[in-house]
N, C-alpha and C. Protein backbone atom coordinates (compact mmCIF):
# COMPACT_ATOMS: atom_id res chain seq x y z
N MET A 1 9.68 -26.36 16.95
CA MET A 1 8.67 -25.62 17.21
C MET A 1 7.07 -26.33 16.17
N THR A 2 6.28 -26.51 17.13
CA THR A 2 5.00 -26.96 16.23
C THR A 2 4.30 -25.69 16.07
N ASP A 3 3.02 -25.80 15.97
CA ASP A 3 1.81 -24.72 15.93
C ASP A 3 1.57 -24.39 17.57
N GLU A 4 1.55 -24.82 18.45
CA GLU A 4 1.61 -24.23 19.71
C GLU A 4 2.25 -24.72 20.80
N GLU A 5 3.46 -24.89 20.35
CA GLU A 5 4.51 -25.62 20.98
C GLU A 5 6.28 -24.83 20.78
N VAL A 6 6.76 -24.67 21.67
CA VAL A 6 8.15 -24.24 21.40
C VAL A 6 9.39 -24.92 22.28
N THR A 7 10.15 -25.35 21.78
CA THR A 7 11.35 -26.44 22.22
C THR A 7 12.53 -26.14 21.98
N PHE A 8 13.29 -25.29 23.16
CA PHE A 8 14.97 -24.86 22.88
C PHE A 8 15.74 -26.43 23.13
N ASP A 9 16.74 -26.49 22.23
CA ASP A 9 17.88 -27.35 22.62
C ASP A 9 18.50 -26.71 23.65
N TYR A 10 18.95 -25.78 23.33
CA TYR A 10 20.24 -24.99 23.99
C TYR A 10 21.52 -24.87 23.86
N GLN A 11 21.95 -25.03 22.31
CA GLN A 11 23.09 -25.78 21.60
C GLN A 11 23.44 -24.49 20.90
N LEU A 12 24.48 -23.77 21.23
CA LEU A 12 25.60 -23.24 19.72
C LEU A 12 25.19 -23.78 18.22
N LYS A 13 25.08 -23.56 17.94
CA LYS A 13 25.81 -24.10 16.65
C LYS A 13 25.96 -22.83 15.51
N GLU A 14 27.13 -23.44 15.01
CA GLU A 14 27.99 -22.57 13.81
C GLU A 14 27.01 -22.61 12.89
N GLY A 15 27.21 -20.97 12.45
CA GLY A 15 26.23 -20.81 10.65
C GLY A 15 25.73 -19.60 11.43
N ARG A 16 24.65 -19.18 10.10
CA ARG A 16 23.67 -18.27 10.56
C ARG A 16 22.68 -19.58 10.52
N ALA A 17 20.95 -18.95 11.26
CA ALA A 17 20.14 -19.34 10.79
C ALA A 17 19.36 -19.62 9.72
N MET A 18 19.17 -20.89 9.80
CA MET A 18 17.79 -20.94 8.17
C MET A 18 16.63 -20.90 8.61
N THR A 19 16.08 -20.86 9.60
CA THR A 19 14.52 -21.21 10.06
C THR A 19 14.03 -19.54 10.23
N ARG A 20 13.06 -19.43 10.47
CA ARG A 20 12.63 -18.38 10.56
C ARG A 20 11.75 -18.66 12.24
N ASN A 21 11.96 -19.06 12.92
CA ASN A 21 11.20 -19.59 13.96
C ASN A 21 10.51 -18.47 14.66
N ALA A 22 11.33 -17.85 14.77
CA ALA A 22 11.05 -15.77 15.73
C ALA A 22 9.97 -15.59 15.10
N ILE A 23 9.85 -15.73 13.88
CA ILE A 23 8.54 -15.08 12.95
C ILE A 23 7.65 -15.82 13.03
N ARG A 24 7.63 -17.45 13.66
CA ARG A 24 6.84 -17.85 14.08
C ARG A 24 5.85 -17.52 15.57
N LEU A 25 7.54 -17.13 16.19
CA LEU A 25 6.84 -17.02 17.67
C LEU A 25 6.08 -15.91 17.92
N LEU A 26 5.62 -14.66 17.41
CA LEU A 26 5.30 -13.77 16.70
C LEU A 26 3.58 -14.70 16.86
N HIS A 27 3.67 -15.06 16.28
CA HIS A 27 1.50 -15.64 16.22
C HIS A 27 0.97 -16.30 17.33
N LEU A 28 2.98 -16.84 18.04
CA LEU A 28 2.29 -18.09 19.41
C LEU A 28 2.09 -17.21 20.19
N MET A 29 2.96 -15.68 19.95
CA MET A 29 2.49 -14.91 21.22
C MET A 29 0.92 -13.86 20.52
N GLY A 30 0.66 -14.36 19.77
CA GLY A 30 -0.64 -13.36 19.62
C GLY A 30 -0.36 -12.08 18.83
N PHE A 31 0.58 -11.75 18.43
CA PHE A 31 1.23 -10.28 17.98
C PHE A 31 0.23 -9.99 16.43
N GLU A 32 -0.52 -9.39 15.37
CA GLU A 32 -1.32 -8.70 15.39
C GLU A 32 -0.38 -9.26 14.05
N ASP A 33 -1.39 -9.82 12.55
CA ASP A 33 -1.06 -9.97 11.35
C ASP A 33 -0.32 -9.41 10.63
N GLU A 34 -0.60 -8.15 10.89
CA GLU A 34 0.07 -7.69 9.65
C GLU A 34 1.30 -7.27 10.08
N ILE A 35 2.23 -7.11 12.07
CA ILE A 35 3.57 -7.07 12.25
C ILE A 35 4.32 -8.24 11.96
N ILE A 36 3.13 -9.53 11.77
CA ILE A 36 3.92 -10.85 10.68
C ILE A 36 4.29 -10.76 9.87
N ARG A 37 3.20 -9.90 9.10
CA ARG A 37 3.25 -9.99 7.72
C ARG A 37 5.04 -8.75 7.43
N GLU A 38 4.46 -7.79 8.29
CA GLU A 38 5.72 -7.61 7.60
C GLU A 38 6.82 -7.64 8.42
N ALA A 39 7.03 -8.24 9.67
CA ALA A 39 8.07 -9.30 9.66
C ALA A 39 9.02 -10.62 8.58
N GLU A 40 7.85 -11.16 7.99
CA GLU A 40 7.57 -11.92 6.65
C GLU A 40 8.49 -11.06 5.98
N GLN A 41 8.56 -10.56 5.52
CA GLN A 41 8.76 -8.81 4.63
C GLN A 41 10.34 -8.69 4.86
N MET A 42 10.44 -8.27 5.98
CA MET A 42 11.99 -7.77 5.93
C MET A 42 12.73 -9.29 6.04
N ALA A 43 12.76 -10.02 6.40
CA ALA A 43 13.42 -11.49 6.36
C ALA A 43 14.08 -12.15 4.87
N GLU A 44 12.77 -12.12 4.06
CA GLU A 44 13.01 -12.30 2.49
C GLU A 44 13.32 -11.57 2.31
N ASN A 45 13.45 -9.73 1.91
CA ASN A 45 14.31 -8.81 1.14
C ASN A 45 15.88 -9.33 2.19
N LEU A 46 15.74 -9.53 3.58
CA LEU A 46 17.03 -9.67 3.60
C LEU A 46 17.53 -10.98 3.27
N ALA A 47 17.35 -12.10 3.03
CA ALA A 47 17.43 -13.14 2.70
C ALA A 47 17.84 -12.65 0.85
N GLU A 48 17.11 -11.65 0.56
CA GLU A 48 17.54 -11.17 -1.00
C GLU A 48 18.68 -10.98 -0.99
N ARG A 49 18.67 -9.63 -0.27
CA ARG A 49 20.13 -9.13 -0.34
C ARG A 49 21.19 -9.99 -0.29
N GLN A 50 21.52 -10.87 0.85
CA GLN A 50 22.47 -12.23 1.05
C GLN A 50 22.78 -12.81 -0.21
N ILE A 51 21.83 -13.31 -0.71
CA ILE A 51 21.95 -14.44 -1.41
C ILE A 51 22.63 -12.98 -2.98
N GLY A 52 23.11 -12.47 -2.82
CA GLY A 52 23.40 -11.25 -3.79
C GLY A 52 25.21 -10.79 -3.26
N TYR A 53 25.30 -11.50 -2.46
CA TYR A 53 26.67 -11.03 -1.85
C TYR A 53 27.44 -12.68 -1.36
N GLY A 54 26.86 -13.82 -1.89
CA GLY A 54 27.30 -15.02 -1.94
C GLY A 54 26.86 -15.24 -0.35
N SER A 55 28.36 -16.59 0.25
CA SER A 55 27.80 -17.07 1.36
C SER A 55 28.97 -15.85 2.37
N ILE A 56 27.85 -15.51 3.86
CA ILE A 56 28.38 -14.85 4.33
C ILE A 56 27.97 -15.38 5.90
N SER A 57 29.22 -15.24 6.08
CA SER A 57 29.94 -16.07 7.84
C SER A 57 29.90 -14.92 8.53
N GLY A 58 29.60 -15.79 9.56
CA GLY A 58 29.41 -14.71 11.12
C GLY A 58 28.17 -13.85 11.08
């Protein structure tokens, strides 16, 4: 993913996603900055909660 382009490799990979490409897609699709900020905050909150639980699989 670049600032202006999205490329998919169409391959399933084991484990949880470690990127926030979906949030970057919001920007590329022209969503309002407030929505993007809320998505970023929600992702950060989720990441912090998961760290407290240790390794989460599946």
